[in-house]
Amino acid sequence: YLGSSLLGVPSEGEERLKCWPPLQPVNLRTHCHNKLESCADVVLS
């Protein structure tokens, strides 16, 4: 569904997707301290 309306961005056809970088992972770990308060934000640029 990359390039379709389901994911939305990026768009503008197959030529656009050819230069789109592949997804690469980063592992994260955290601990929650309170169910009424978020413990951390995962920032995705």
PDB file of all heavy atoms in Angstrom:
ATOM      1  N   TYR A   1       0.801  -1.230   0.000  1.00  0.00           N
ATOM      2  CA  TYR A   1       0.000   0.000   0.000  1.00  0.00           C
ATOM      3  C   TYR A   1       0.836   1.283   0.000  1.00  0.00           C
ATOM      4  O   TYR A   1       0.268   2.379   0.030  1.00  0.00           O
ATOM      5  CB  TYR A   1      -0.929   0.022   1.210  1.00  0.00           C
ATOM      6  CG  TYR A   1      -1.987  -1.061   1.161  1.00  0.00           C
ATOM      7  CD1 TYR A   1      -1.885  -2.196   1.957  1.00  0.00           C
ATOM      8  CD2 TYR A   1      -3.076  -0.945   0.296  1.00  0.00           C
ATOM      9  CE1 TYR A   1      -2.848  -3.189   1.909  1.00  0.00           C
ATOM     10  CE2 TYR A   1      -4.044  -1.942   0.251  1.00  0.00           C
ATOM     11  CZ  TYR A   1      -3.916  -3.064   1.050  1.00  0.00           C
ATOM     12  OH  TYR A   1      -4.873  -4.053   0.989  1.00  0.00           O
ATOM     13  N   LEU A   2       2.166   1.170  -0.062  1.00  0.00           N
ATOM     14  CA  LEU A   2       2.989   2.368  -0.131  1.00  0.00           C
ATOM     15  C   LEU A   2       2.682   3.138  -1.417  1.00  0.00           C
ATOM     16  O   LEU A   2       2.714   2.578  -2.508  1.00  0.00           O
ATOM     17  CB  LEU A   2       4.473   2.003  -0.086  1.00  0.00           C
ATOM     18  CG  LEU A   2       5.450   3.175  -0.038  1.00  0.00           C
ATOM     19  CD1 LEU A   2       5.298   3.944   1.266  1.00  0.00           C
ATOM     20  CD2 LEU A   2       6.896   2.687  -0.212  1.00  0.00           C
ATOM     21  N   GLY A   3       2.401   4.405  -1.288  1.00  0.00           N
ATOM     22  CA  GLY A   3       2.030   5.232  -2.425  1.00  0.00           C
ATOM     23  C   GLY A   3       0.543   5.319  -2.672  1.00  0.00           C
ATOM     24  O   GLY A   3       0.090   6.108  -3.513  1.00  0.00           O
ATOM     25  N   SER A   4      -0.254   4.532  -1.933  1.00  0.00           N
ATOM     26  CA  SER A   4      -1.711   4.567  -2.084  1.00  0.00           C
ATOM     27  C   SER A   4      -2.327   5.527  -1.078  1.00  0.00           C
ATOM     28  O   SER A   4      -1.650   6.062  -0.196  1.00  0.00           O
ATOM     29  CB  SER A   4      -2.290   3.163  -1.897  1.00  0.00           C
ATOM     30  OG  SER A   4      -2.160   2.749  -0.547  1.00  0.00           O
ATOM     31  N   SER A   5      -3.630   5.719  -1.169  1.00  0.00           N
ATOM     32  CA  SER A   5      -4.333   6.613  -0.252  1.00  0.00           C
ATOM     33  C   SER A   5      -4.396   6.043   1.163  1.00  0.00           C
ATOM     34  O   SER A   5      -4.640   6.779   2.118  1.00  0.00           O
ATOM     35  CB  SER A   5      -5.747   6.886  -0.765  1.00  0.00           C
ATOM     36  OG  SER A   5      -6.473   5.659  -0.905  1.00  0.00           O
ATOM     37  N   LEU A   6      -4.180   4.729   1.311  1.00  0.00           N
ATOM     38  CA  LEU A   6      -4.230   4.125   2.643  1.00  0.00           C
ATOM     39  C   LEU A   6      -3.098   4.655   3.522  1.00  0.00           C
ATOM     40  O   LEU A   6      -3.315   4.979   4.696  1.00  0.00           O
ATOM     41  CB  LEU A   6      -4.140   2.603   2.535  1.00  0.00           C
ATOM     42  CG  LEU A   6      -4.181   1.852   3.876  1.00  0.00           C
ATOM     43  CD1 LEU A   6      -5.550   1.998   4.527  1.00  0.00           C
ATOM     44  CD2 LEU A   6      -3.848   0.372   3.679  1.00  0.00           C
ATOM     45  N   LEU A   7      -1.911   4.772   2.964  1.00  0.00           N
ATOM     46  CA  LEU A   7      -0.777   5.310   3.708  1.00  0.00           C
ATOM     47  C   LEU A   7      -0.555   6.792   3.440  1.00  0.00           C
ATOM     48  O   LEU A   7       0.075   7.476   4.247  1.00  0.00           O
ATOM     49  CB  LEU A   7       0.497   4.519   3.380  1.00  0.00           C
ATOM     50  CG  LEU A   7       0.483   3.047   3.809  1.00  0.00           C
ATOM     51  CD1 LEU A   7       1.806   2.377   3.467  1.00  0.00           C
ATOM     52  CD2 LEU A   7       0.187   2.898   5.293  1.00  0.00           C
ATOM     53  N   GLY A   8      -1.019   7.284   2.296  1.00  0.00           N
ATOM     54  CA  GLY A   8      -1.040   8.729   2.047  1.00  0.00           C
ATOM     55  C   GLY A   8       0.294   9.306   1.598  1.00  0.00           C
ATOM     56  O   GLY A   8       0.412   9.829   0.504  1.00  0.00           O
ATOM     57  N   VAL A   9       1.308   9.248   2.451  1.00  0.00           N
ATOM     58  CA  VAL A   9       2.621   9.830   2.164  1.00  0.00           C
ATOM     59  C   VAL A   9       3.669   8.731   2.309  1.00  0.00           C
ATOM     60  O   VAL A   9       3.658   8.010   3.316  1.00  0.00           O
ATOM     61  CB  VAL A   9       2.943  10.992   3.130  1.00  0.00           C
ATOM     62  CG1 VAL A   9       4.325  11.552   2.878  1.00  0.00           C
ATOM     63  CG2 VAL A   9       1.885  12.082   3.017  1.00  0.00           C
ATOM     64  N   PRO A  10       4.547   8.570   1.288  1.00  0.00           N
ATOM     65  CA  PRO A  10       4.716   9.360   0.059  1.00  0.00           C
ATOM     66  C   PRO A  10       3.655   9.033  -0.983  1.00  0.00           C
ATOM     67  O   PRO A  10       2.932   8.041  -0.859  1.00  0.00           O
ATOM     68  CB  PRO A  10       6.101   8.944  -0.422  1.00  0.00           C
ATOM     69  CG  PRO A  10       6.239   7.533   0.049  1.00  0.00           C
ATOM     70  CD  PRO A  10       5.545   7.489   1.384  1.00  0.00           C
ATOM     71  N   SER A  11       3.608   9.880  -2.005  1.00  0.00           N
ATOM     72  CA  SER A  11       2.622   9.703  -3.070  1.00  0.00           C
ATOM     73  C   SER A  11       3.269  10.037  -4.401  1.00  0.00           C
ATOM     74  O   SER A  11       4.486  10.015  -4.535  1.00  0.00           O
ATOM     75  CB  SER A  11       1.402  10.594  -2.796  1.00  0.00           C
ATOM     76  OG  SER A  11       1.789  11.942  -2.664  1.00  0.00           O
ATOM     77  N   GLU A  12       2.454  10.349  -5.395  1.00  0.00           N
ATOM     78  CA  GLU A  12       2.903  10.855  -6.692  1.00  0.00           C
ATOM     79  C   GLU A  12       3.557   9.803  -7.579  1.00  0.00           C
ATOM     80  O   GLU A  12       4.482  10.074  -8.315  1.00  0.00           O
ATOM     81  CB  GLU A  12       3.849  12.051  -6.522  1.00  0.00           C
ATOM     82  CG  GLU A  12       3.212  13.197  -5.754  1.00  0.00           C
ATOM     83  CD  GLU A  12       4.110  14.416  -5.685  1.00  0.00           C
ATOM     84  OE1 GLU A  12       5.117  14.451  -6.415  1.00  0.00           O
ATOM     85  OE2 GLU A  12       3.799  15.330  -4.909  1.00  0.00           O
ATOM     86  N   GLY A  13       3.077   8.542  -7.526  1.00  0.00           N
ATOM     87  CA  GLY A  13       3.415   7.571  -8.553  1.00  0.00           C
ATOM     88  C   GLY A  13       4.640   6.719  -8.307  1.00  0.00           C
ATOM     89  O   GLY A  13       5.360   6.871  -7.319  1.00  0.00           O
ATOM     90  N   GLU A  14       4.862   5.803  -9.240  1.00  0.00           N
ATOM     91  CA  GLU A  14       5.922   4.812  -9.117  1.00  0.00           C
ATOM     92  C   GLU A  14       7.312   5.432  -9.175  1.00  0.00           C
ATOM     93  O   GLU A  14       8.230   4.990  -8.490  1.00  0.00           O
ATOM     94  CB  GLU A  14       5.775   3.744 -10.207  1.00  0.00           C
ATOM     95  CG  GLU A  14       4.485   2.926 -10.090  1.00  0.00           C
ATOM     96  CD  GLU A  14       4.405   1.853 -11.155  1.00  0.00           C
ATOM     97  OE1 GLU A  14       5.362   1.750 -11.953  1.00  0.00           O
ATOM     98  OE2 GLU A  14       3.393   1.117 -11.185  1.00  0.00           O
ATOM     99  N   GLU A  15       7.500   6.437 -10.020  1.00  0.00           N
ATOM    100  CA  GLU A  15       8.807   7.071 -10.115  1.00  0.00           C
ATOM    101  C   GLU A  15       9.223   7.684  -8.787  1.00  0.00           C
ATOM    102  O   GLU A  15      10.394   7.658  -8.421  1.00  0.00           O
ATOM    103  CB  GLU A  15       8.801   8.142 -11.215  1.00  0.00           C
ATOM    104  CG  GLU A  15       8.669   7.588 -12.625  1.00  0.00           C
ATOM    105  CD  GLU A  15       9.839   6.687 -12.988  1.00  0.00           C
ATOM    106  OE1 GLU A  15      10.991   6.982 -12.573  1.00  0.00           O
ATOM    107  OE2 GLU A  15       9.611   5.677 -13.671  1.00  0.00           O
ATOM    108  N   ARG A  16       8.263   8.224  -8.081  1.00  0.00           N
ATOM    109  CA  ARG A  16       8.538   8.817  -6.768  1.00  0.00           C
ATOM    110  C   ARG A  16       8.981   7.735  -5.782  1.00  0.00           C
ATOM    111  O   ARG A  16       9.896   7.939  -4.976  1.00  0.00           O
ATOM    112  CB  ARG A  16       7.277   9.526  -6.252  1.00  0.00           C
ATOM    113  CG  ARG A  16       7.362  10.001  -4.790  1.00  0.00           C
ATOM    114  CD  ARG A  16       8.163  11.268  -4.699  1.00  0.00           C
ATOM    115  NE  ARG A  16       8.184  11.780  -3.348  1.00  0.00           N
ATOM    116  CZ  ARG A  16       9.198  11.598  -2.487  1.00  0.00           C
ATOM    117  NH1 ARG A  16      10.254  10.912  -2.868  1.00  0.00           N
ATOM    118  NH2 ARG A  16       9.161  12.099  -1.277  1.00  0.00           N
ATOM    119  N   LEU A  17       8.344   6.565  -5.837  1.00  0.00           N
ATOM    120  CA  LEU A  17       8.637   5.512  -4.876  1.00  0.00           C
ATOM    121  C   LEU A  17       9.989   4.855  -5.125  1.00  0.00           C
ATOM    122  O   LEU A  17      10.567   4.263  -4.207  1.00  0.00           O
ATOM    123  CB  LEU A  17       7.523   4.446  -4.920  1.00  0.00           C
ATOM    124  CG  LEU A  17       6.109   4.931  -4.566  1.00  0.00           C
ATOM    125  CD1 LEU A  17       5.130   3.773  -4.627  1.00  0.00           C
ATOM    126  CD2 LEU A  17       6.084   5.585  -3.200  1.00  0.00           C
ATOM    127  N   LYS A  18      10.494   4.964  -6.334  1.00  0.00           N
ATOM    128  CA  LYS A  18      11.784   4.354  -6.644  1.00  0.00           C
ATOM    129  C   LYS A  18      12.926   4.993  -5.857  1.00  0.00           C
ATOM    130  O   LYS A  18      13.917   4.327  -5.547  1.00  0.00           O
ATOM    131  CB  LYS A  18      12.065   4.455  -8.139  1.00  0.00           C
ATOM    132  CG  LYS A  18      11.189   3.541  -8.997  1.00  0.00           C
ATOM    133  CD  LYS A  18      11.551   3.675 -10.476  1.00  0.00           C
ATOM    134  CE  LYS A  18      10.673   2.768 -11.335  1.00  0.00           C
ATOM    135  NZ  LYS A  18      10.991   2.894 -12.775  1.00  0.00           N
ATOM    136  N   CYS A  19      12.793   6.273  -5.554  1.00  0.00           N
ATOM    137  CA  CYS A  19      13.841   6.963  -4.796  1.00  0.00           C
ATOM    138  C   CYS A  19      13.506   7.090  -3.314  1.00  0.00           C
ATOM    139  O   CYS A  19      14.179   7.826  -2.587  1.00  0.00           O
ATOM    140  CB  CYS A  19      14.099   8.352  -5.401  1.00  0.00           C
ATOM    141  SG  CYS A  19      12.660   9.432  -5.402  1.00  0.00           S
ATOM    142  N   TRP A  20      12.446   6.415  -2.854  1.00  0.00           N
ATOM    143  CA  TRP A  20      12.056   6.480  -1.448  1.00  0.00           C
ATOM    144  C   TRP A  20      12.906   5.499  -0.639  1.00  0.00           C
ATOM    145  O   TRP A  20      12.943   4.311  -0.926  1.00  0.00           O
ATOM    146  CB  TRP A  20      10.574   6.156  -1.289  1.00  0.00           C
ATOM    147  CG  TRP A  20      10.057   6.303   0.105  1.00  0.00           C
ATOM    148  CD1 TRP A  20       9.729   5.312   0.970  1.00  0.00           C
ATOM    149  CD2 TRP A  20       9.809   7.522   0.805  1.00  0.00           C
ATOM    150  NE1 TRP A  20       9.298   5.822   2.160  1.00  0.00           N
ATOM    151  CE2 TRP A  20       9.334   7.184   2.086  1.00  0.00           C
ATOM    152  CE3 TRP A  20       9.947   8.866   0.462  1.00  0.00           C
ATOM    153  CZ2 TRP A  20       8.995   8.145   3.026  1.00  0.00           C
ATOM    154  CZ3 TRP A  20       9.609   9.826   1.412  1.00  0.00           C
ATOM    155  CH2 TRP A  20       9.141   9.460   2.671  1.00  0.00           C
ATOM    156  N   PRO A  21      13.615   5.953   0.408  1.00  0.00           N
ATOM    157  CA  PRO A  21      14.486   5.049   1.178  1.00  0.00           C
ATOM    158  C   PRO A  21      13.670   3.973   1.892  1.00  0.00           C
ATOM    159  O   PRO A  21      12.562   4.227   2.366  1.00  0.00           O
ATOM    160  CB  PRO A  21      15.159   5.981   2.189  1.00  0.00           C
ATOM    161  CG  PRO A  21      14.967   7.366   1.650  1.00  0.00           C
ATOM    162  CD  PRO A  21      13.684   7.334   0.886  1.00  0.00           C
ATOM    163  N   PRO A  22      14.205   2.768   2.001  1.00  0.00           N
ATOM    164  CA  PRO A  22      13.499   1.701   2.731  1.00  0.00           C
ATOM    165  C   PRO A  22      13.484   1.972   4.229  1.00  0.00           C
ATOM    166  O   PRO A  22      14.355   2.667   4.767  1.00  0.00           O
ATOM    167  CB  PRO A  22      14.317   0.446   2.393  1.00  0.00           C
ATOM    168  CG  PRO A  22      15.684   0.970   2.080  1.00  0.00           C
ATOM    169  CD  PRO A  22      15.477   2.305   1.422  1.00  0.00           C
ATOM    170  N   LEU A  23      12.504   1.405   4.903  1.00  0.00           N
ATOM    171  CA  LEU A  23      12.410   1.549   6.351  1.00  0.00           C
ATOM    172  C   LEU A  23      13.513   0.745   7.029  1.00  0.00           C
ATOM    173  O   LEU A  23      13.804  -0.388   6.637  1.00  0.00           O
ATOM    174  CB  LEU A  23      11.044   1.075   6.858  1.00  0.00           C
ATOM    175  CG  LEU A  23       9.804   1.826   6.377  1.00  0.00           C
ATOM    176  CD1 LEU A  23       8.558   1.249   7.024  1.00  0.00           C
ATOM    177  CD2 LEU A  23       9.910   3.308   6.662  1.00  0.00           C
ATOM    178  N   GLN A  24      14.114   1.363   8.050  1.00  0.00           N
ATOM    179  CA  GLN A  24      15.134   0.679   8.837  1.00  0.00           C
ATOM    180  C   GLN A  24      14.776   0.778  10.314  1.00  0.00           C
ATOM    181  O   GLN A  24      14.265   1.809  10.767  1.00  0.00           O
ATOM    182  CB  GLN A  24      16.515   1.279   8.581  1.00  0.00           C
ATOM    183  CG  GLN A  24      17.015   1.061   7.155  1.00  0.00           C
ATOM    184  CD  GLN A  24      18.421   1.581   6.955  1.00  0.00           C
ATOM    185  OE1 GLN A  24      19.099   1.976   7.897  1.00  0.00           O
ATOM    186  NE2 GLN A  24      18.870   1.603   5.714  1.00  0.00           N
ATOM    187  N   PRO A  25      15.048  -0.271  11.100  1.00  0.00           N
ATOM    188  CA  PRO A  25      14.550  -0.325  12.480  1.00  0.00           C
ATOM    189  C   PRO A  25      15.550   0.161  13.526  1.00  0.00           C
ATOM    190  O   PRO A  25      16.757   0.148  13.316  1.00  0.00           O
ATOM    191  CB  PRO A  25      14.274  -1.820  12.666  1.00  0.00           C
ATOM    192  CG  PRO A  25      15.342  -2.485  11.848  1.00  0.00           C
ATOM    193  CD  PRO A  25      15.588  -1.574  10.662  1.00  0.00           C
ATOM    194  N   VAL A  26      14.985   0.562  14.664  1.00  0.00           N
ATOM    195  CA  VAL A  26      15.747   0.875  15.877  1.00  0.00           C
ATOM    196  C   VAL A  26      14.973   0.308  17.053  1.00  0.00           C
ATOM    197  O   VAL A  26      13.765   0.583  17.200  1.00  0.00           O
ATOM    198  CB  VAL A  26      15.946   2.402  16.058  1.00  0.00           C
ATOM    199  CG1 VAL A  26      16.618   2.687  17.405  1.00  0.00           C
ATOM    200  CG2 VAL A  26      16.773   2.981  14.927  1.00  0.00           C
ATOM    201  N   ASN A  27      15.620  -0.490  17.892  1.00  0.00           N
ATOM    202  CA  ASN A  27      14.961  -1.091  19.042  1.00  0.00           C
ATOM    203  C   ASN A  27      14.981  -0.127  20.228  1.00  0.00           C
ATOM    204  O   ASN A  27      15.985   0.542  20.488  1.00  0.00           O
ATOM    205  CB  ASN A  27      15.631  -2.400  19.431  1.00  0.00           C
ATOM    206  CG  ASN A  27      15.385  -3.501  18.415  1.00  0.00           C
ATOM    207  OD1 ASN A  27      14.434  -3.445  17.628  1.00  0.00           O
ATOM    208  ND2 ASN A  27      16.240  -4.512  18.413  1.00  0.00           N
ATOM    209  N   LEU A  28      13.873  -0.102  20.969  1.00  0.00           N
ATOM    210  CA  LEU A  28      13.708   0.793  22.108  1.00  0.00           C
ATOM    211  C   LEU A  28      13.153   0.013  23.300  1.00  0.00           C
ATOM    212  O   LEU A  28      12.432  -0.978  23.135  1.00  0.00           O
ATOM    213  CB  LEU A  28      12.771   1.955  21.770  1.00  0.00           C
ATOM    214  CG  LEU A  28      13.122   2.808  20.542  1.00  0.00           C
ATOM    215  CD1 LEU A  28      11.980   3.752  20.208  1.00  0.00           C
ATOM    216  CD2 LEU A  28      14.406   3.598  20.778  1.00  0.00           C
ATOM    217  N   ARG A  29      13.454   0.517  24.495  1.00  0.00           N
ATOM    218  CA  ARG A  29      12.966  -0.131  25.719  1.00  0.00           C
ATOM    219  C   ARG A  29      12.720   0.939  26.775  1.00  0.00           C
ATOM    220  O   ARG A  29      13.528   1.858  26.951  1.00  0.00           O
ATOM    221  CB  ARG A  29      13.989  -1.155  26.231  1.00  0.00           C
ATOM    222  CG  ARG A  29      13.588  -1.870  27.520  1.00  0.00           C
ATOM    223  CD  ARG A  29      14.750  -2.717  28.014  1.00  0.00           C
ATOM    224  NE  ARG A  29      14.461  -3.342  29.304  1.00  0.00           N
ATOM    225  CZ  ARG A  29      13.977  -4.570  29.461  1.00  0.00           C
ATOM    226  NH1 ARG A  29      13.737  -5.313  28.389  1.00  0.00           N
ATOM    227  NH2 ARG A  29      13.755  -5.064  30.671  1.00  0.00           N
ATOM    228  N   THR A  30      11.597   0.823  27.503  1.00  0.00           N
ATOM    229  CA  THR A  30      11.276   1.774  28.555  1.00  0.00           C
ATOM    230  C   THR A  30      10.439   1.101  29.625  1.00  0.00           C
ATOM    231  O   THR A  30       9.991  -0.051  29.459  1.00  0.00           O
ATOM    232  CB  THR A  30      10.524   2.997  27.977  1.00  0.00           C
ATOM    233  OG1 THR A  30      10.353   3.982  28.996  1.00  0.00           O
ATOM    234  CG2 THR A  30       9.171   2.604  27.431  1.00  0.00           C
ATOM    235  N   HIS A  31      10.198   1.817  30.719  1.00  0.00           N
ATOM    236  CA  HIS A  31       9.389   1.318  31.830  1.00  0.00           C
ATOM    237  C   HIS A  31       8.289   2.324  32.127  1.00  0.00           C
ATOM    238  O   HIS A  31       8.523   3.533  32.112  1.00  0.00           O
ATOM    239  CB  HIS A  31      10.225   1.114  33.097  1.00  0.00           C
ATOM    240  CG  HIS A  31      11.270   0.065  32.977  1.00  0.00           C
ATOM    241  ND1 HIS A  31      12.467   0.280  32.330  1.00  0.00           N
ATOM    242  CD2 HIS A  31      11.300  -1.220  33.434  1.00  0.00           C
ATOM    243  CE1 HIS A  31      13.196  -0.823  32.390  1.00  0.00           C
ATOM    244  NE2 HIS A  31      12.517  -1.745  33.051  1.00  0.00           N
ATOM    245  N   CYS A  32       7.096   1.827  32.426  1.00  0.00           N
ATOM    246  CA  CYS A  32       5.983   2.700  32.828  1.00  0.00           C
ATOM    247  C   CYS A  32       5.971   2.840  34.345  1.00  0.00           C
ATOM    248  O   CYS A  32       6.265   1.884  35.077  1.00  0.00           O
ATOM    249  CB  CYS A  32       4.652   2.127  32.350  1.00  0.00           C
ATOM    250  SG  CYS A  32       4.441   2.262  30.559  1.00  0.00           S
ATOM    251  N   HIS A  33       5.645   4.035  34.806  1.00  0.00           N
ATOM    252  CA  HIS A  33       5.646   4.306  36.244  1.00  0.00           C
ATOM    253  C   HIS A  33       4.247   4.576  36.788  1.00  0.00           C
ATOM    254  O   HIS A  33       4.018   4.422  37.981  1.00  0.00           O
ATOM    255  CB  HIS A  33       6.527   5.523  36.543  1.00  0.00           C
ATOM    256  CG  HIS A  33       7.879   5.449  35.896  1.00  0.00           C
ATOM    257  ND1 HIS A  33       8.822   4.522  36.269  1.00  0.00           N
ATOM    258  CD2 HIS A  33       8.439   6.172  34.908  1.00  0.00           C
ATOM    259  CE1 HIS A  33       9.921   4.681  35.549  1.00  0.00           C
ATOM    260  NE2 HIS A  33       9.708   5.677  34.708  1.00  0.00           N
ATOM    261  N   ASN A  34       3.324   4.977  35.922  1.00  0.00           N
ATOM    262  CA  ASN A  34       2.005   5.398  36.390  1.00  0.00           C
ATOM    263  C   ASN A  34       1.010   5.206  35.259  1.00  0.00           C
ATOM    264  O   ASN A  34       1.239   5.670  34.144  1.00  0.00           O
ATOM    265  CB  ASN A  34       2.048   6.870  36.822  1.00  0.00           C
ATOM    266  CG  ASN A  34       0.777   7.315  37.513  1.00  0.00           C
ATOM    267  OD1 ASN A  34      -0.287   6.722  37.342  1.00  0.00           O
ATOM    268  ND2 ASN A  34       0.882   8.372  38.300  1.00  0.00           N
ATOM    269  N   LYS A  35      -0.102   4.528  35.534  1.00  0.00           N
ATOM    270  CA  LYS A  35      -1.082   4.261  34.484  1.00  0.00           C
ATOM    271  C   LYS A  35      -1.862   5.511  34.088  1.00  0.00           C
ATOM    272  O   LYS A  35      -2.587   5.496  33.100  1.00  0.00           O
ATOM    273  CB  LYS A  35      -2.043   3.164  34.925  1.00  0.00           C
ATOM    274  CG  LYS A  35      -2.926   3.542  36.115  1.00  0.00           C
ATOM    275  CD  LYS A  35      -3.860   2.393  36.471  1.00  0.00           C
ATOM    276  CE  LYS A  35      -4.767   2.753  37.641  1.00  0.00           C
ATOM    277  NZ  LYS A  35      -5.695   1.644  37.974  1.00  0.00           N
ATOM    278  N   LEU A  36      -1.736   6.591  34.865  1.00  0.00           N
ATOM    279  CA  LEU A  36      -2.426   7.835  34.554  1.00  0.00           C
ATOM    280  C   LEU A  36      -1.507   8.859  33.887  1.00  0.00           C
ATOM    281  O   LEU A  36      -1.911   9.995  33.673  1.00  0.00           O
ATOM    282  CB  LEU A  36      -3.017   8.452  35.834  1.00  0.00           C
ATOM    283  CG  LEU A  36      -4.049   7.602  36.571  1.00  0.00           C
ATOM    284  CD1 LEU A  36      -4.520   8.318  37.832  1.00  0.00           C
ATOM    285  CD2 LEU A  36      -5.236   7.274  35.667  1.00  0.00           C
ATOM    286  N   GLU A  37      -0.296   8.418  33.555  1.00  0.00           N
ATOM    287  CA  GLU A  37       0.667   9.355  32.975  1.00  0.00           C
ATOM    288  C   GLU A  37       1.585   8.600  32.023  1.00  0.00           C
ATOM    289  O   GLU A  37       2.085   7.522  32.345  1.00  0.00           O
ATOM    290  CB  GLU A  37       1.483  10.016  34.091  1.00  0.00           C
ATOM    291  CG  GLU A  37       2.427  11.086  33.620  1.00  0.00           C
ATOM    292  CD  GLU A  37       3.078  11.800  34.784  1.00  0.00           C
ATOM    293  OE1 GLU A  37       2.440  11.901  35.852  1.00  0.00           O
ATOM    294  OE2 GLU A  37       4.236  12.257  34.630  1.00  0.00           O
ATOM    295  N   SER A  38       1.800   9.161  30.849  1.00  0.00           N
ATOM    296  CA  SER A  38       2.687   8.527  29.872  1.00  0.00           C
ATOM    297  C   SER A  38       4.114   8.522  30.400  1.00  0.00           C
ATOM    298  O   SER A  38       4.550   9.466  31.061  1.00  0.00           O
ATOM    299  CB  SER A  38       2.618   9.261  28.538  1.00  0.00           C
ATOM    300  OG  SER A  38       1.303   9.222  28.002  1.00  0.00           O
ATOM    301  N   CYS A  39       4.844   7.463  30.079  1.00  0.00           N
ATOM    302  CA  CYS A  39       6.202   7.332  30.600  1.00  0.00           C
ATOM    303  C   CYS A  39       7.249   7.882  29.639  1.00  0.00           C
ATOM    304  O   CYS A  39       8.332   8.291  30.071  1.00  0.00           O
ATOM    305  CB  CYS A  39       6.512   5.868  30.899  1.00  0.00           C
ATOM    306  SG  CYS A  39       6.418   4.767  29.465  1.00  0.00           S
ATOM    307  N   ALA A  40       6.955   7.900  28.335  1.00  0.00           N
ATOM    308  CA  ALA A  40       7.931   8.369  27.359  1.00  0.00           C
ATOM    309  C   ALA A  40       7.240   8.606  26.026  1.00  0.00           C
ATOM    310  O   ALA A  40       6.127   8.123  25.782  1.00  0.00           O
ATOM    311  CB  ALA A  40       9.071   7.362  27.199  1.00  0.00           C
ATOM    312  N   ASP A  41       7.910   9.361  25.166  1.00  0.00           N
ATOM    313  CA  ASP A  41       7.473   9.588  23.787  1.00  0.00           C
ATOM    314  C   ASP A  41       8.440   8.898  22.837  1.00  0.00           C
ATOM    315  O   ASP A  41       9.660   9.003  23.009  1.00  0.00           O
ATOM    316  CB  ASP A  41       7.442  11.081  23.432  1.00  0.00           C
ATOM    317  CG  ASP A  41       6.393  11.860  24.199  1.00  0.00           C
ATOM    318  OD1 ASP A  41       5.415  11.241  24.649  1.00  0.00           O
ATOM    319  OD2 ASP A  41       6.560  13.084  24.354  1.00  0.00           O
ATOM    320  N   VAL A  42       7.901   8.210  21.847  1.00  0.00           N
ATOM    321  CA  VAL A  42       8.722   7.708  20.753  1.00  0.00           C
ATOM    322  C   VAL A  42       8.630   8.741  19.635  1.00  0.00           C
ATOM    323  O   VAL A  42       7.601   8.869  18.966  1.00  0.00           O
ATOM    324  CB  VAL A  42       8.246   6.333  20.260  1.00  0.00           C
ATOM    325  CG1 VAL A  42       9.115   5.863  19.089  1.00  0.00           C
ATOM    326  CG2 VAL A  42       8.286   5.322  21.394  1.00  0.00           C
ATOM    327  N   VAL A  43       9.704   9.520  19.449  1.00  0.00           N
ATOM    328  CA  VAL A  43       9.732  10.571  18.438  1.00  0.00           C
ATOM    329  C   VAL A  43      10.091   9.938  17.095  1.00  0.00           C
ATOM    330  O   VAL A  43      11.087   9.216  16.986  1.00  0.00           O
ATOM    331  CB  VAL A  43      10.746  11.665  18.806  1.00  0.00           C
ATOM    332  CG1 VAL A  43      10.776  12.760  17.746  1.00  0.00           C
ATOM    333  CG2 VAL A  43      10.405  12.257  20.168  1.00  0.00           C
ATOM    334  N   LEU A  44       9.285  10.221  16.081  1.00  0.00           N
ATOM    335  CA  LEU A  44       9.476   9.666  14.749  1.00  0.00           C
ATOM    336  C   LEU A  44       9.722  10.800  13.771  1.00  0.00           C
ATOM    337  O   LEU A  44       9.040  10.939  12.757  1.00  0.00           O
ATOM    338  CB  LEU A  44       8.267   8.828  14.351  1.00  0.00           C
ATOM    339  CG  LEU A  44       7.980   7.654  15.296  1.00  0.00           C
ATOM    340  CD1 LEU A  44       6.617   7.049  15.031  1.00  0.00           C
ATOM    341  CD2 LEU A  44       9.061   6.593  15.201  1.00  0.00           C
ATOM    342  N   SER A  45      10.676  11.625  14.106  1.00  0.00           N
ATOM    343  CA  SER A  45      11.086  12.780  13.309  1.00  0.00           C
ATOM    344  C   SER A  45       9.879  13.598  12.884  1.00  0.00           C
ATOM    345  O   SER A  45       8.992  13.857  13.687  1.00  0.00           O
ATOM    346  CB  SER A  45      11.913  12.345  12.104  1.00  0.00           C
ATOM    347  OG  SER A  45      12.427  13.467  11.418  1.00  0.00           O
TER     348      SER A  45
END
